[in-house]
Amino acid sequence: MTDPTIVAVALPPLAAWAAHSLWLARRLRIARVDPLTGLPTRAAFTSRAIRATARRPLSVLLLDVDRFKDVNDTFGHAAGDTLLTAIGQRLQSWCAEHGGFAGRLGGDEFAAVADLDDLAPLDLNTLIRRLQESVDIDRPAPIVPRVSIGICRPADSPGAPFDLRLRAADEAMYGAKQLGTSWRYAAPQPTHATTAGRRAGRRGTHSALSSS
């Protein structure tokens, strides 16, 4: 028979350990999930995308919301948050339909991996239409967002690791933004040098192939 004194002594440490475990689990989830959009954070998305692209020939996408600062300056940060949340949800919904997933890299930048086939232009144009649907905010008129997307297909960088493919998509996205197209494919060639995983001076408008 168990000594009641031993049980009474053991319960407080066990309760404290359980509470601490729950706290650690919650902190870990917070660190891996963007609190605004509910998407994986940069680190969580990158870790998952590395594994996913190693298993399957997925395309890597990088998305940037055009003139997002103007939204914050004109309508306030609450409107900007509403816009980012809508963009994130729409992107994730589209990715789920194409065997992939999305993440928020930070600010107004999102990344995704998806399975695109020969109908990729139609799929991407569908994505653009969804992302650029109006977003209701606490104002008389809704916001109509505009986005730029760069895509690095498996054939664009055969055998390249995920970080290089993300940089190639980044360069293609900036090319789309500069030339006023909604999206562009990455060029099948090495991208420009980057600093800390980002483009150096945002060069590289000639390193992508026109597509839309």
N, C-alpha and C. Protein backbone atom coordinates (compact mmCIF):
# COMPACT_ATOMS: atom_id res chain seq x y z
N MET A 1 0.85 -1.20 0.00
CA MET A 1 0.00 0.00 0.00
C MET A 1 0.88 1.25 0.00
N THR A 2 0.52 2.22 -0.83
CA THR A 2 1.32 3.43 -0.96
C THR A 2 1.17 4.32 0.25
N ASP A 3 2.30 4.80 0.73
CA ASP A 3 2.30 5.70 1.88
C ASP A 3 1.73 7.05 1.46
N PRO A 4 0.62 7.52 2.08
CA PRO A 4 0.03 8.82 1.71
C PRO A 4 1.01 9.98 1.85
N THR A 5 1.95 9.84 2.77
CA THR A 5 2.94 10.91 2.97
C THR A 5 3.83 11.05 1.74
N ILE A 6 4.23 9.89 1.18
CA ILE A 6 5.09 9.91 -0.02
C ILE A 6 4.35 10.54 -1.19
N VAL A 7 3.07 10.18 -1.35
CA VAL A 7 2.25 10.74 -2.44
C VAL A 7 2.13 12.24 -2.29
N ALA A 8 1.87 12.70 -1.07
CA ALA A 8 1.71 14.12 -0.82
C ALA A 8 2.98 14.89 -1.12
N VAL A 9 4.12 14.27 -0.82
CA VAL A 9 5.41 14.93 -1.09
C VAL A 9 5.71 14.96 -2.58
N ALA A 10 5.33 13.90 -3.29
CA ALA A 10 5.66 13.80 -4.71
C ALA A 10 4.78 14.66 -5.61
N LEU A 11 3.54 14.92 -5.19
CA LEU A 11 2.61 15.63 -6.06
C LEU A 11 3.07 17.03 -6.45
N PRO A 12 3.52 17.88 -5.53
CA PRO A 12 3.93 19.23 -5.95
C PRO A 12 5.01 19.25 -7.02
N PRO A 13 6.12 18.45 -6.90
CA PRO A 13 7.12 18.45 -7.98
C PRO A 13 6.56 17.98 -9.31
N LEU A 14 5.68 16.94 -9.25
CA LEU A 14 5.10 16.44 -10.51
C LEU A 14 4.22 17.50 -11.16
N ALA A 15 3.44 18.21 -10.35
CA ALA A 15 2.58 19.26 -10.89
C ALA A 15 3.41 20.39 -11.48
N ALA A 16 4.51 20.72 -10.79
CA ALA A 16 5.39 21.78 -11.28
C ALA A 16 6.05 21.37 -12.60
N TRP A 17 6.45 20.08 -12.69
CA TRP A 17 7.08 19.59 -13.92
C TRP A 17 6.09 19.62 -15.08
N ALA A 18 4.85 19.21 -14.80
CA ALA A 18 3.83 19.21 -15.85
C ALA A 18 3.54 20.63 -16.33
N ALA A 19 3.45 21.56 -15.38
CA ALA A 19 3.19 22.95 -15.75
C ALA A 19 4.34 23.52 -16.56
N HIS A 20 5.56 23.16 -16.16
CA HIS A 20 6.74 23.65 -16.89
C HIS A 20 6.79 23.08 -18.30
N SER A 21 6.42 21.80 -18.44
CA SER A 21 6.40 21.18 -19.77
C SER A 21 5.39 21.86 -20.68
N LEU A 22 4.22 22.16 -20.13
CA LEU A 22 3.21 22.86 -20.92
C LEU A 22 3.69 24.25 -21.32
N TRP A 23 4.37 24.91 -20.39
CA TRP A 23 4.90 26.24 -20.69
C TRP A 23 5.94 26.17 -21.80
N LEU A 24 6.85 25.18 -21.74
CA LEU A 24 7.87 25.02 -22.77
C LEU A 24 7.23 24.71 -24.12
N ALA A 25 6.22 23.85 -24.12
CA ALA A 25 5.55 23.49 -25.38
C ALA A 25 4.88 24.72 -25.99
N ARG A 26 4.28 25.52 -25.15
CA ARG A 26 3.62 26.73 -25.64
C ARG A 26 4.64 27.72 -26.20
N ARG A 27 5.76 27.88 -25.50
CA ARG A 27 6.80 28.80 -25.97
C ARG A 27 7.38 28.31 -27.30
N LEU A 28 7.55 27.01 -27.43
CA LEU A 28 8.08 26.46 -28.68
C LEU A 28 7.12 26.70 -29.82
N ARG A 29 5.83 26.51 -29.56
CA ARG A 29 4.84 26.73 -30.62
C ARG A 29 4.81 28.20 -31.02
N ILE A 30 4.88 29.09 -30.03
CA ILE A 30 4.88 30.52 -30.32
C ILE A 30 6.08 30.88 -31.19
N ALA A 31 7.22 30.27 -30.89
CA ALA A 31 8.44 30.58 -31.64
C ALA A 31 8.35 30.08 -33.08
N ARG A 32 7.55 29.05 -33.33
CA ARG A 32 7.49 28.45 -34.66
C ARG A 32 6.28 28.90 -35.47
N VAL A 33 5.35 29.63 -34.84
CA VAL A 33 4.14 30.08 -35.53
C VAL A 33 4.04 31.60 -35.44
N ASP A 34 3.87 32.23 -36.60
CA ASP A 34 3.70 33.67 -36.63
C ASP A 34 2.38 34.04 -35.96
N PRO A 35 2.40 34.87 -34.92
CA PRO A 35 1.16 35.15 -34.18
C PRO A 35 0.12 35.92 -34.98
N LEU A 36 0.54 36.63 -36.03
CA LEU A 36 -0.41 37.42 -36.80
C LEU A 36 -1.15 36.56 -37.82
N THR A 37 -0.41 35.82 -38.63
CA THR A 37 -1.01 35.08 -39.74
C THR A 37 -1.30 33.62 -39.41
N GLY A 38 -0.67 33.09 -38.36
CA GLY A 38 -0.82 31.67 -38.05
C GLY A 38 0.05 30.77 -38.91
N LEU A 39 0.87 31.36 -39.79
CA LEU A 39 1.76 30.58 -40.65
C LEU A 39 3.06 30.27 -39.90
N PRO A 40 3.83 29.30 -40.38
CA PRO A 40 5.14 29.05 -39.78
C PRO A 40 6.04 30.29 -39.90
N THR A 41 6.90 30.48 -38.92
CA THR A 41 7.88 31.55 -38.98
C THR A 41 8.98 31.17 -39.98
N ARG A 42 9.90 32.09 -40.21
CA ARG A 42 10.99 31.84 -41.17
C ARG A 42 11.73 30.54 -40.83
N ALA A 43 12.16 30.40 -39.58
CA ALA A 43 12.94 29.22 -39.21
C ALA A 43 12.13 27.94 -39.36
N ALA A 44 10.87 27.96 -38.90
CA ALA A 44 10.04 26.77 -38.99
C ALA A 44 9.72 26.42 -40.44
N PHE A 45 9.41 27.43 -41.24
CA PHE A 45 9.12 27.18 -42.66
C PHE A 45 10.35 26.62 -43.36
N THR A 46 11.50 27.23 -43.13
CA THR A 46 12.73 26.79 -43.80
C THR A 46 13.05 25.34 -43.47
N SER A 47 12.95 24.99 -42.19
CA SER A 47 13.23 23.61 -41.78
C SER A 47 12.30 22.62 -42.48
N ARG A 48 11.03 22.95 -42.52
CA ARG A 48 10.06 22.06 -43.16
C ARG A 48 10.26 22.02 -44.66
N ALA A 49 10.55 23.18 -45.27
CA ALA A 49 10.71 23.25 -46.72
C ALA A 49 11.95 22.49 -47.19
N ILE A 50 13.01 22.52 -46.41
CA ILE A 50 14.22 21.76 -46.76
C ILE A 50 13.89 20.27 -46.87
N ARG A 51 13.14 19.77 -45.90
CA ARG A 51 12.76 18.35 -45.93
C ARG A 51 11.81 18.05 -47.09
N ALA A 52 10.84 18.93 -47.31
CA ALA A 52 9.84 18.70 -48.35
C ALA A 52 10.45 18.71 -49.75
N THR A 53 11.32 19.68 -50.02
CA THR A 53 11.92 19.78 -51.35
C THR A 53 12.96 18.70 -51.60
N ALA A 54 13.47 18.11 -50.53
CA ALA A 54 14.41 16.99 -50.70
C ALA A 54 13.67 15.72 -51.09
N ARG A 55 12.41 15.63 -50.69
CA ARG A 55 11.61 14.43 -51.00
C ARG A 55 10.90 14.52 -52.34
N ARG A 56 10.46 15.73 -52.71
CA ARG A 56 9.64 15.88 -53.91
C ARG A 56 10.12 17.08 -54.73
N PRO A 57 9.89 17.06 -56.06
CA PRO A 57 10.28 18.18 -56.91
C PRO A 57 9.29 19.34 -56.81
N LEU A 58 9.37 20.11 -55.75
CA LEU A 58 8.47 21.23 -55.51
C LEU A 58 9.07 22.54 -55.99
N SER A 59 8.21 23.44 -56.43
CA SER A 59 8.64 24.79 -56.76
C SER A 59 8.71 25.63 -55.50
N VAL A 60 9.64 26.57 -55.48
CA VAL A 60 9.81 27.48 -54.35
C VAL A 60 9.35 28.87 -54.77
N LEU A 61 8.47 29.46 -53.97
CA LEU A 61 7.91 30.78 -54.29
C LEU A 61 8.28 31.78 -53.20
N LEU A 62 8.54 33.01 -53.62
CA LEU A 62 8.72 34.10 -52.68
C LEU A 62 7.81 35.24 -53.09
N LEU A 63 7.05 35.76 -52.13
CA LEU A 63 6.02 36.76 -52.40
C LEU A 63 6.25 38.01 -51.56
N ASP A 64 6.03 39.16 -52.18
CA ASP A 64 6.17 40.45 -51.50
C ASP A 64 4.94 41.29 -51.81
N VAL A 65 4.39 41.95 -50.78
CA VAL A 65 3.22 42.82 -50.98
C VAL A 65 3.72 44.19 -51.45
N ASP A 66 3.27 44.61 -52.62
CA ASP A 66 3.71 45.87 -53.20
C ASP A 66 3.19 47.06 -52.39
N ARG A 67 4.07 48.02 -52.16
CA ARG A 67 3.72 49.29 -51.52
C ARG A 67 3.01 49.08 -50.19
N PHE A 68 3.47 48.09 -49.45
CA PHE A 68 2.83 47.80 -48.17
C PHE A 68 3.01 48.95 -47.17
N LYS A 69 4.14 49.62 -47.23
CA LYS A 69 4.37 50.75 -46.32
C LYS A 69 3.30 51.82 -46.50
N ASP A 70 2.85 52.01 -47.74
CA ASP A 70 1.81 53.01 -48.00
C ASP A 70 0.50 52.64 -47.28
N VAL A 71 0.23 51.34 -47.18
CA VAL A 71 -0.98 50.90 -46.48
C VAL A 71 -0.89 51.28 -45.01
N ASN A 72 0.26 50.98 -44.40
CA ASN A 72 0.44 51.34 -42.99
C ASN A 72 0.39 52.85 -42.77
N ASP A 73 1.03 53.60 -43.66
CA ASP A 73 1.09 55.05 -43.50
C ASP A 73 -0.27 55.70 -43.72
N THR A 74 -1.06 55.15 -44.63
CA THR A 74 -2.35 55.75 -44.98
C THR A 74 -3.48 55.30 -44.06
N PHE A 75 -3.53 54.00 -43.79
CA PHE A 75 -4.68 53.45 -43.06
C PHE A 75 -4.35 53.01 -41.64
N GLY A 76 -3.08 52.93 -41.29
CA GLY A 76 -2.68 52.51 -39.96
C GLY A 76 -2.22 51.06 -39.92
N HIS A 77 -1.49 50.71 -38.86
CA HIS A 77 -0.91 49.37 -38.75
C HIS A 77 -1.97 48.29 -38.57
N ALA A 78 -3.11 48.62 -37.98
CA ALA A 78 -4.17 47.62 -37.83
C ALA A 78 -4.67 47.17 -39.20
N ALA A 79 -4.80 48.13 -40.13
CA ALA A 79 -5.21 47.77 -41.49
C ALA A 79 -4.13 46.94 -42.16
N GLY A 80 -2.87 47.30 -41.92
CA GLY A 80 -1.77 46.52 -42.48
C GLY A 80 -1.78 45.10 -41.97
N ASP A 81 -2.05 44.93 -40.68
CA ASP A 81 -2.12 43.58 -40.10
C ASP A 81 -3.26 42.77 -40.71
N THR A 82 -4.40 43.43 -40.92
CA THR A 82 -5.54 42.75 -41.54
C THR A 82 -5.19 42.29 -42.95
N LEU A 83 -4.49 43.14 -43.68
CA LEU A 83 -4.08 42.80 -45.04
C LEU A 83 -3.12 41.61 -45.04
N LEU A 84 -2.12 41.62 -44.17
CA LEU A 84 -1.16 40.53 -44.12
C LEU A 84 -1.83 39.22 -43.72
N THR A 85 -2.76 39.29 -42.80
CA THR A 85 -3.48 38.08 -42.39
C THR A 85 -4.26 37.49 -43.56
N ALA A 86 -4.93 38.34 -44.32
CA ALA A 86 -5.70 37.87 -45.47
C ALA A 86 -4.77 37.26 -46.52
N ILE A 87 -3.66 37.93 -46.80
CA ILE A 87 -2.70 37.41 -47.78
C ILE A 87 -2.18 36.04 -47.34
N GLY A 88 -1.82 35.92 -46.07
CA GLY A 88 -1.30 34.66 -45.56
C GLY A 88 -2.31 33.53 -45.66
N GLN A 89 -3.55 33.80 -45.31
CA GLN A 89 -4.58 32.77 -45.38
C GLN A 89 -4.85 32.35 -46.82
N ARG A 90 -4.89 33.31 -47.73
CA ARG A 90 -5.15 32.99 -49.14
C ARG A 90 -4.00 32.19 -49.74
N LEU A 91 -2.78 32.58 -49.39
CA LEU A 91 -1.62 31.86 -49.91
C LEU A 91 -1.60 30.43 -49.39
N GLN A 92 -1.85 30.25 -48.11
CA GLN A 92 -1.84 28.90 -47.53
C GLN A 92 -2.93 28.04 -48.14
N SER A 93 -4.11 28.61 -48.39
CA SER A 93 -5.20 27.86 -48.99
C SER A 93 -4.81 27.38 -50.38
N TRP A 94 -4.20 28.25 -51.17
CA TRP A 94 -3.77 27.88 -52.52
C TRP A 94 -2.69 26.81 -52.46
N CYS A 95 -1.74 26.96 -51.54
CA CYS A 95 -0.66 25.98 -51.41
C CYS A 95 -1.21 24.60 -51.04
N ALA A 96 -2.19 24.56 -50.15
CA ALA A 96 -2.78 23.28 -49.75
C ALA A 96 -3.40 22.57 -50.94
N GLU A 97 -3.92 23.32 -51.90
CA GLU A 97 -4.50 22.74 -53.10
C GLU A 97 -3.43 22.21 -54.06
N HIS A 98 -2.18 22.64 -53.83
CA HIS A 98 -1.08 22.25 -54.73
C HIS A 98 0.01 21.50 -53.98
N GLY A 99 -0.40 20.76 -52.97
CA GLY A 99 0.52 19.88 -52.27
C GLY A 99 1.65 20.56 -51.55
N GLY A 100 1.42 21.79 -51.08
CA GLY A 100 2.49 22.51 -50.42
C GLY A 100 2.03 23.26 -49.19
N PHE A 101 2.80 24.25 -48.80
CA PHE A 101 2.50 25.05 -47.61
C PHE A 101 3.25 26.37 -47.71
N ALA A 102 2.85 27.31 -46.86
CA ALA A 102 3.42 28.64 -46.90
C ALA A 102 3.99 29.02 -45.54
N GLY A 103 4.77 30.09 -45.52
CA GLY A 103 5.31 30.63 -44.28
C GLY A 103 5.50 32.13 -44.41
N ARG A 104 5.58 32.81 -43.29
CA ARG A 104 5.85 34.24 -43.30
C ARG A 104 7.31 34.46 -42.93
N LEU A 105 8.06 35.06 -43.84
CA LEU A 105 9.47 35.30 -43.59
C LEU A 105 9.70 36.49 -42.67
N GLY A 106 8.73 37.41 -42.66
CA GLY A 106 8.85 38.62 -41.86
C GLY A 106 8.34 39.80 -42.65
N GLY A 107 7.83 40.81 -41.95
CA GLY A 107 7.30 41.98 -42.63
C GLY A 107 6.21 41.58 -43.61
N ASP A 108 6.36 42.03 -44.86
CA ASP A 108 5.36 41.72 -45.88
C ASP A 108 5.86 40.67 -46.86
N GLU A 109 6.82 39.85 -46.44
CA GLU A 109 7.35 38.80 -47.30
C GLU A 109 6.88 37.43 -46.84
N PHE A 110 6.44 36.64 -47.81
CA PHE A 110 5.99 35.28 -47.57
C PHE A 110 6.74 34.34 -48.50
N ALA A 111 6.86 33.10 -48.10
CA ALA A 111 7.46 32.08 -48.96
C ALA A 111 6.54 30.87 -48.98
N ALA A 112 6.72 30.04 -50.01
CA ALA A 112 5.87 28.86 -50.14
C ALA A 112 6.58 27.81 -50.97
N VAL A 113 6.14 26.58 -50.83
CA VAL A 113 6.53 25.51 -51.75
C VAL A 113 5.24 24.89 -52.27
N ALA A 114 5.25 24.50 -53.54
CA ALA A 114 4.04 23.95 -54.15
C ALA A 114 4.42 23.07 -55.32
N ASP A 115 3.54 22.16 -55.65
CA ASP A 115 3.72 21.24 -56.76
C ASP A 115 3.04 21.84 -57.99
N LEU A 116 3.85 22.38 -58.89
CA LEU A 116 3.33 23.00 -60.11
C LEU A 116 3.68 22.13 -61.31
N ASP A 117 2.72 21.96 -62.23
CA ASP A 117 2.96 21.14 -63.40
C ASP A 117 2.94 22.00 -64.67
N ASP A 118 2.60 21.41 -65.79
CA ASP A 118 2.60 22.14 -67.06
C ASP A 118 1.54 23.24 -67.09
N LEU A 119 0.59 23.20 -66.16
CA LEU A 119 -0.44 24.23 -66.09
C LEU A 119 -0.04 25.34 -65.12
N ALA A 120 1.23 25.43 -64.80
CA ALA A 120 1.70 26.40 -63.81
C ALA A 120 1.25 27.83 -64.09
N PRO A 121 1.34 28.32 -65.34
CA PRO A 121 0.88 29.70 -65.56
C PRO A 121 -0.57 29.93 -65.16
N LEU A 122 -1.44 28.96 -65.45
CA LEU A 122 -2.84 29.10 -65.06
C LEU A 122 -2.97 29.08 -63.54
N ASP A 123 -2.22 28.17 -62.90
CA ASP A 123 -2.28 28.09 -61.44
C ASP A 123 -1.78 29.37 -60.80
N LEU A 124 -0.70 29.92 -61.32
CA LEU A 124 -0.12 31.13 -60.75
C LEU A 124 -1.03 32.34 -60.97
N ASN A 125 -1.65 32.40 -62.12
CA ASN A 125 -2.58 33.51 -62.36
C ASN A 125 -3.80 33.41 -61.44
N THR A 126 -4.21 32.17 -61.14
CA THR A 126 -5.29 31.98 -60.17
C THR A 126 -4.85 32.47 -58.80
N LEU A 127 -3.62 32.16 -58.43
CA LEU A 127 -3.09 32.62 -57.15
C LEU A 127 -3.07 34.14 -57.08
N ILE A 128 -2.61 34.78 -58.14
CA ILE A 128 -2.56 36.24 -58.17
C ILE A 128 -3.95 36.83 -58.00
N ARG A 129 -4.93 36.27 -58.70
CA ARG A 129 -6.30 36.79 -58.59
C ARG A 129 -6.81 36.67 -57.16
N ARG A 130 -6.54 35.54 -56.53
CA ARG A 130 -7.00 35.35 -55.15
C ARG A 130 -6.33 36.35 -54.21
N LEU A 131 -5.03 36.46 -54.34
CA LEU A 131 -4.30 37.34 -53.43
C LEU A 131 -4.70 38.80 -53.59
N GLN A 132 -5.09 39.17 -54.80
CA GLN A 132 -5.39 40.57 -55.08
C GLN A 132 -6.89 40.90 -55.00
N GLU A 133 -7.65 39.99 -54.42
CA GLU A 133 -9.04 40.34 -54.12
C GLU A 133 -9.07 41.36 -52.99
N SER A 134 -10.08 42.19 -52.96
CA SER A 134 -10.15 43.26 -51.97
C SER A 134 -10.22 42.70 -50.55
N VAL A 135 -9.69 43.47 -49.62
CA VAL A 135 -9.67 43.10 -48.20
C VAL A 135 -10.42 44.17 -47.42
N ASP A 136 -11.43 43.76 -46.67
CA ASP A 136 -12.21 44.70 -45.87
C ASP A 136 -11.42 45.13 -44.63
N ILE A 137 -11.38 46.44 -44.42
CA ILE A 137 -10.74 46.99 -43.23
C ILE A 137 -11.74 47.93 -42.55
N ASP A 138 -11.34 48.51 -41.45
CA ASP A 138 -12.25 49.40 -40.71
C ASP A 138 -12.25 50.79 -41.37
N ARG A 139 -12.65 50.80 -42.64
CA ARG A 139 -12.72 52.03 -43.42
C ARG A 139 -13.88 51.90 -44.40
N PRO A 140 -14.38 52.99 -44.95
CA PRO A 140 -15.50 52.88 -45.90
C PRO A 140 -15.18 52.03 -47.12
N ALA A 141 -13.94 52.10 -47.60
CA ALA A 141 -13.57 51.35 -48.80
C ALA A 141 -12.55 50.28 -48.46
N PRO A 142 -12.64 49.10 -49.10
CA PRO A 142 -11.66 48.04 -48.84
C PRO A 142 -10.32 48.35 -49.50
N ILE A 143 -9.30 47.60 -49.12
CA ILE A 143 -7.98 47.68 -49.73
C ILE A 143 -7.90 46.63 -50.84
N VAL A 144 -7.34 47.01 -51.96
CA VAL A 144 -7.08 46.06 -53.04
C VAL A 144 -5.57 45.85 -53.10
N PRO A 145 -5.06 44.76 -52.57
CA PRO A 145 -3.61 44.55 -52.52
C PRO A 145 -3.02 44.22 -53.88
N ARG A 146 -1.73 44.46 -54.00
CA ARG A 146 -0.97 44.06 -55.17
C ARG A 146 0.25 43.30 -54.70
N VAL A 147 0.61 42.23 -55.39
CA VAL A 147 1.72 41.40 -54.96
C VAL A 147 2.66 41.12 -56.13
N SER A 148 3.89 40.77 -55.80
CA SER A 148 4.87 40.31 -56.77
C SER A 148 5.41 38.97 -56.29
N ILE A 149 5.56 38.01 -57.22
CA ILE A 149 5.97 36.66 -56.86
C ILE A 149 7.12 36.21 -57.75
N GLY A 150 8.12 35.58 -57.14
CA GLY A 150 9.19 34.93 -57.88
C GLY A 150 9.10 33.43 -57.65
N ILE A 151 9.33 32.65 -58.70
CA ILE A 151 9.19 31.20 -58.62
C ILE A 151 10.46 30.53 -59.12
N CYS A 152 11.00 29.64 -58.31
CA CYS A 152 12.13 28.81 -58.74
C CYS A 152 11.63 27.37 -58.86
N ARG A 153 11.48 26.92 -60.11
CA ARG A 153 11.05 25.55 -60.35
C ARG A 153 12.22 24.59 -60.18
N PRO A 154 11.97 23.31 -59.97
CA PRO A 154 13.07 22.35 -59.84
C PRO A 154 14.03 22.39 -61.03
N ALA A 155 13.49 22.57 -62.23
CA ALA A 155 14.34 22.58 -63.42
C ALA A 155 15.19 23.85 -63.53
N ASP A 156 14.81 24.90 -62.81
CA ASP A 156 15.57 26.15 -62.88
C ASP A 156 16.90 26.05 -62.15
N SER A 157 16.96 25.22 -61.11
CA SER A 157 18.19 25.06 -60.33
C SER A 157 18.34 23.58 -59.94
N PRO A 158 18.63 22.73 -60.92
CA PRO A 158 18.69 21.28 -60.64
C PRO A 158 19.72 20.97 -59.56
N GLY A 159 19.27 20.25 -58.54
CA GLY A 159 20.19 19.81 -57.51
C GLY A 159 20.61 20.88 -56.51
N ALA A 160 20.12 22.11 -56.67
CA ALA A 160 20.52 23.19 -55.77
C ALA A 160 19.83 23.03 -54.42
N PRO A 161 20.52 23.39 -53.33
CA PRO A 161 19.88 23.32 -52.02
C PRO A 161 18.78 24.36 -51.88
N PHE A 162 17.94 24.18 -50.88
CA PHE A 162 16.77 25.04 -50.72
C PHE A 162 17.14 26.51 -50.59
N ASP A 163 18.19 26.84 -49.83
CA ASP A 163 18.51 28.25 -49.61
C ASP A 163 18.86 28.95 -50.90
N LEU A 164 19.55 28.26 -51.82
CA LEU A 164 19.88 28.87 -53.11
C LEU A 164 18.64 29.02 -53.97
N ARG A 165 17.72 28.08 -53.88
CA ARG A 165 16.49 28.18 -54.66
C ARG A 165 15.61 29.31 -54.15
N LEU A 166 15.61 29.52 -52.83
CA LEU A 166 14.85 30.63 -52.27
C LEU A 166 15.44 31.96 -52.73
N ARG A 167 16.78 32.05 -52.78
CA ARG A 167 17.42 33.27 -53.27
C ARG A 167 17.07 33.52 -54.74
N ALA A 168 17.05 32.44 -55.53
CA ALA A 168 16.69 32.58 -56.94
C ALA A 168 15.26 33.09 -57.08
N ALA A 169 14.35 32.57 -56.26
CA ALA A 169 12.96 33.05 -56.27
C ALA A 169 12.91 34.51 -55.84
N ASP A 170 13.75 34.88 -54.89
CA ASP A 170 13.82 36.26 -54.42
C ASP A 170 14.24 37.19 -55.55
N GLU A 171 15.27 36.80 -56.30
CA GLU A 171 15.72 37.61 -57.43
C GLU A 171 14.63 37.74 -58.49
N ALA A 172 13.93 36.63 -58.75
CA ALA A 172 12.86 36.66 -59.74
C ALA A 172 11.72 37.55 -59.28
N MET A 173 11.41 37.51 -57.99
CA MET A 173 10.35 38.37 -57.45
C MET A 173 10.71 39.84 -57.64
N TYR A 174 11.94 40.20 -57.36
CA TYR A 174 12.33 41.59 -57.52
C TYR A 174 12.29 41.99 -58.99
N GLY A 175 12.64 41.06 -59.88
CA GLY A 175 12.52 41.35 -61.30
C GLY A 175 11.09 41.62 -61.71
N ALA A 176 10.15 40.84 -61.16
CA ALA A 176 8.73 41.07 -61.45
C ALA A 176 8.30 42.43 -60.93
N LYS A 177 8.75 42.78 -59.75
CA LYS A 177 8.37 44.07 -59.16
C LYS A 177 8.91 45.23 -60.00
N GLN A 178 10.15 45.12 -60.43
CA GLN A 178 10.76 46.19 -61.21
C GLN A 178 10.11 46.38 -62.57
N LEU A 179 9.70 45.28 -63.18
CA LEU A 179 9.15 45.33 -64.53
C LEU A 179 7.62 45.41 -64.54
N GLY A 180 7.00 45.37 -63.38
CA GLY A 180 5.55 45.53 -63.32
C GLY A 180 4.77 44.31 -63.69
N THR A 181 5.40 43.12 -63.70
CA THR A 181 4.67 41.88 -63.94
C THR A 181 4.29 41.26 -62.60
N SER A 182 3.30 40.44 -62.58
CA SER A 182 2.84 39.87 -61.32
C SER A 182 3.77 38.78 -60.81
N TRP A 183 4.34 37.99 -61.73
CA TRP A 183 5.24 36.92 -61.31
C TRP A 183 6.25 36.60 -62.41
N ARG A 184 7.37 36.02 -62.00
CA ARG A 184 8.42 35.65 -62.93
C ARG A 184 9.10 34.37 -62.45
N TYR A 185 9.57 33.60 -63.43
CA TYR A 185 10.37 32.43 -63.12
C TYR A 185 11.82 32.82 -62.90
N ALA A 186 12.50 32.11 -62.04
CA ALA A 186 13.93 32.32 -61.86
C ALA A 186 14.69 31.86 -63.09
N ALA A 187 15.77 32.53 -63.38
CA ALA A 187 16.59 32.15 -64.53
C ALA A 187 17.36 30.87 -64.22
N PRO A 188 17.54 30.02 -65.21
CA PRO A 188 18.32 28.79 -65.00
C PRO A 188 19.81 29.07 -65.01
N GLN A 189 20.26 29.88 -64.07
CA GLN A 189 21.67 30.25 -63.95
C GLN A 189 21.91 30.73 -62.53
N PRO A 190 23.17 30.81 -62.09
CA PRO A 190 23.44 31.27 -60.72
C PRO A 190 22.91 32.67 -60.49
N THR A 191 22.37 32.92 -59.30
CA THR A 191 21.89 34.24 -58.96
C THR A 191 23.03 35.09 -58.45
N HIS A 192 22.78 36.39 -58.29
CA HIS A 192 23.80 37.29 -57.79
C HIS A 192 24.12 36.99 -56.33
N ALA A 193 25.30 37.42 -55.92
CA ALA A 193 25.72 37.21 -54.54
C ALA A 193 24.77 37.91 -53.59
N THR A 194 24.56 37.27 -52.44
CA THR A 194 23.68 37.85 -51.45
C THR A 194 24.41 38.00 -50.13
N THR A 195 23.86 38.80 -49.25
CA THR A 195 24.42 39.00 -47.93
C THR A 195 23.43 38.47 -46.91
N ALA A 196 23.89 37.59 -46.03
CA ALA A 196 23.04 37.01 -44.99
C ALA A 196 21.77 36.39 -45.57
N GLY A 197 21.93 35.74 -46.73
CA GLY A 197 20.80 35.06 -47.33
C GLY A 197 19.83 35.96 -48.05
N ARG A 198 20.13 37.23 -48.20
CA ARG A 198 19.26 38.15 -48.90
C ARG A 198 20.04 38.78 -50.04
N ARG A 199 19.37 39.34 -51.00
CA ARG A 199 20.05 39.93 -52.14
C ARG A 199 20.88 41.14 -51.72
N ALA A 200 22.03 41.28 -52.32
CA ALA A 200 22.91 42.40 -52.03
C ALA A 200 22.50 43.58 -52.90
N GLY A 201 21.97 44.61 -52.28
CA GLY A 201 21.55 45.78 -53.03
C GLY A 201 20.34 45.54 -53.89
N ARG A 202 19.66 44.42 -53.69
CA ARG A 202 18.47 44.07 -54.49
C ARG A 202 18.75 44.16 -55.99
N ARG A 203 19.93 43.66 -56.39
CA ARG A 203 20.24 43.59 -57.82
C ARG A 203 19.60 42.35 -58.42
N GLY A 204 19.65 42.24 -59.76
CA GLY A 204 19.26 41.01 -60.39
C GLY A 204 17.99 41.06 -61.20
N THR A 205 17.60 42.23 -61.69
CA THR A 205 16.37 42.30 -62.49
C THR A 205 16.53 41.56 -63.80
N HIS A 206 17.79 41.30 -64.23
CA HIS A 206 17.99 40.59 -65.48
C HIS A 206 18.19 39.09 -65.25
N SER A 207 18.04 38.64 -64.00
CA SER A 207 18.30 37.24 -63.73
C SER A 207 17.05 36.38 -63.69
N ALA A 208 15.99 36.85 -64.32
CA ALA A 208 14.75 36.08 -64.35
C ALA A 208 14.17 36.10 -65.74
N LEU A 209 13.39 35.07 -66.08
CA LEU A 209 12.75 34.98 -67.38
C LEU A 209 11.33 35.47 -67.29
N SER A 210 10.93 36.28 -68.24
CA SER A 210 9.57 36.82 -68.24
C SER A 210 8.57 35.70 -68.37
N SER A 211 7.41 35.87 -67.63
CA SER A 211 6.44 34.78 -67.68
C SER A 211 5.00 35.21 -67.65
N SER A 212 4.67 36.43 -67.26
CA SER A 212 3.26 36.76 -67.20
C SER A 212 3.01 38.09 -67.85
